[in-house]
């Protein structure tokens, strides 16, 4: 969980900054395109017997989760691609994803809540 969660948290400030300076329409188009692309990749890779796993792949997944969660509220597609690539067993995937989603949901919420309280 930490190999995905820590990189996700690390890129969240950058993603928040990027989303604050970018015009919303093109940003949403990019996010939607990446979601669709990841779904197509997941479907295609499910039929391939190659397994890709390791720390670099987990870190890249975390970056995708962090960027997707903050910019578009969609961190799941990056995890889906990783699950397909690594042939992640369902039981350990579910046990890992539950605390991961709590972590990547609470950190931006806490950051936004904390920053709004300091402005008052």
Protein backbone atom coordinates (compact mmCIF):
# COMPACT_ATOMS: atom_id res chain seq x y z
CA UNK A 1 0.00 0.00 0.00
CA UNK A 2 2.79 2.43 0.84
CA UNK A 3 4.54 1.94 -2.51
CA UNK A 4 1.41 3.24 -4.20
CA UNK A 5 0.09 5.53 -1.45
CA UNK A 6 3.21 7.57 -0.72
CA UNK A 7 3.86 8.57 -4.37
CA UNK A 8 0.16 9.40 -4.68
CA UNK A 9 0.37 11.74 -1.71
CA UNK A 10 3.65 13.21 -2.95
CA UNK A 11 2.17 14.38 -6.28
CA UNK A 12 -1.10 15.70 -4.85
CA UNK A 13 0.20 19.24 -4.16
CA UNK A 14 1.50 19.46 -7.73
CA UNK A 15 -1.82 18.15 -9.08
CA UNK A 16 -3.72 20.71 -7.00
CA UNK A 17 -1.49 23.50 -8.29
CA UNK A 18 -1.86 22.27 -11.88
CA UNK A 19 -5.62 22.10 -11.61
CA UNK A 20 -5.77 25.59 -10.12
CA UNK A 21 -3.84 27.20 -13.00
CA UNK A 22 -5.32 25.17 -15.87
CA UNK A 23 -8.53 25.98 -17.70
CA UNK A 24 -11.11 23.39 -16.64
CA UNK A 25 -12.42 22.26 -20.04
CA UNK A 26 -9.09 21.07 -21.53
CA UNK A 27 -8.09 19.55 -18.20
CA UNK A 28 -11.31 17.52 -18.04
CA UNK A 29 -10.80 16.38 -21.62
CA UNK A 30 -7.29 15.16 -20.76
CA UNK A 31 -8.56 13.34 -17.66
CA UNK A 32 -11.45 11.75 -19.55
CA UNK A 33 -9.11 10.67 -22.34
CA UNK A 34 -6.71 9.10 -19.85
CA UNK A 35 -9.56 7.25 -18.13
CA UNK A 36 -10.78 5.85 -21.44
CA UNK A 37 -7.23 4.97 -22.49
CA UNK A 38 -6.59 3.13 -19.22
CA UNK A 39 -9.79 1.15 -19.62
CA UNK A 40 -8.82 0.13 -23.15
CA UNK A 41 -5.33 -0.79 -21.95
CA UNK A 42 -6.82 -2.88 -19.13
CA UNK A 43 -9.07 -4.79 -21.52
CA UNK A 44 -6.27 -5.42 -24.00
CA UNK A 45 -3.67 -6.39 -21.41
CA UNK A 46 -6.03 -8.83 -19.72
CA UNK A 47 -5.54 -11.05 -22.77
CA UNK A 48 -1.72 -10.92 -22.68
CA UNK A 49 0.27 -13.36 -20.56
CA UNK A 50 3.03 -10.88 -19.67
CA UNK A 51 3.31 -9.82 -16.04
CA UNK A 52 4.82 -6.45 -15.11
CA UNK A 53 5.41 -5.63 -11.47
CA UNK A 54 7.95 -4.12 -9.12
CA UNK A 55 8.68 -0.91 -7.28
CA UNK A 56 8.94 1.36 -10.37
CA UNK A 57 5.55 0.16 -11.63
CA UNK A 58 4.00 0.63 -8.19
CA UNK A 59 5.46 4.14 -7.90
CA UNK A 60 4.14 5.03 -11.38
CA UNK A 61 0.74 3.70 -10.31
CA UNK A 62 0.87 5.90 -7.21
CA UNK A 63 1.66 8.94 -9.34
CA UNK A 64 -1.31 8.12 -11.57
CA UNK A 65 -3.57 7.63 -8.57
CA UNK A 66 -2.50 10.93 -6.99
CA UNK A 67 -2.84 12.95 -10.18
CA UNK A 68 -6.14 11.35 -11.14
CA UNK A 69 -7.66 11.71 -7.69
CA UNK A 70 -6.88 15.41 -7.29
CA UNK A 71 -7.42 16.57 -10.86
CA UNK A 72 -10.47 14.54 -11.81
CA UNK A 73 -11.55 12.50 -8.83
CA UNK A 74 -10.60 9.29 -10.65
CA UNK A 75 -7.66 7.42 -9.19
CA UNK A 76 -9.12 4.01 -9.91
CA UNK A 77 -8.10 3.58 -13.55
CA UNK A 78 -4.38 3.73 -12.71
CA UNK A 79 -4.89 1.04 -10.10
CA UNK A 80 -6.91 -1.06 -12.54
CA UNK A 81 -4.09 -0.97 -15.09
CA UNK A 82 -1.61 -1.97 -12.38
CA UNK A 83 -3.86 -4.79 -11.18
CA UNK A 84 -4.10 -6.18 -14.70
CA UNK A 85 -0.39 -5.75 -15.45
CA UNK A 86 0.78 -7.33 -12.21
CA UNK A 87 -1.91 -10.02 -12.09
CA UNK A 88 -2.69 -8.79 -8.59
CA UNK A 89 -4.63 -11.49 -6.69
CA UNK A 90 -8.13 -10.26 -5.88
CA UNK A 91 -7.99 -10.91 -2.12
CA UNK A 92 -4.78 -8.95 -1.50
CA UNK A 93 -5.89 -6.26 -3.96
CA UNK A 94 -9.10 -5.62 -2.03
CA UNK A 95 -7.24 -5.64 1.29
CA UNK A 96 -4.77 -3.08 -0.07
CA UNK A 97 -7.17 -0.83 -1.94
CA UNK A 98 -9.48 -0.16 0.99
CA UNK A 99 -6.86 1.59 3.15
CA UNK A 100 -5.30 3.14 0.03
CA UNK A 101 -8.56 4.84 -0.96
CA UNK A 102 -9.06 6.06 2.58
CA UNK A 103 -5.55 7.54 2.50
CA UNK A 104 -5.85 9.22 -0.89
CA UNK A 105 -9.28 10.57 0.02
CA UNK A 106 -8.42 11.93 3.44
CA UNK A 107 -5.17 13.65 2.50
CA UNK A 108 -6.66 16.06 -0.08
CA UNK A 109 -9.74 16.56 2.08
CA UNK A 110 -7.59 17.35 5.12
CA UNK A 111 -5.37 19.65 3.09
CA UNK A 112 -8.32 21.59 1.69
CA UNK A 113 -10.04 21.72 5.07
CA UNK A 114 -6.87 22.88 6.78
CA UNK A 115 -6.15 25.55 4.20
CA UNK A 116 -9.73 26.85 4.35
CA UNK A 117 -9.54 27.12 8.14
CA UNK A 118 -6.33 29.16 7.97
CA UNK A 119 -7.98 31.74 5.68
CA UNK A 120 -10.81 32.47 8.11
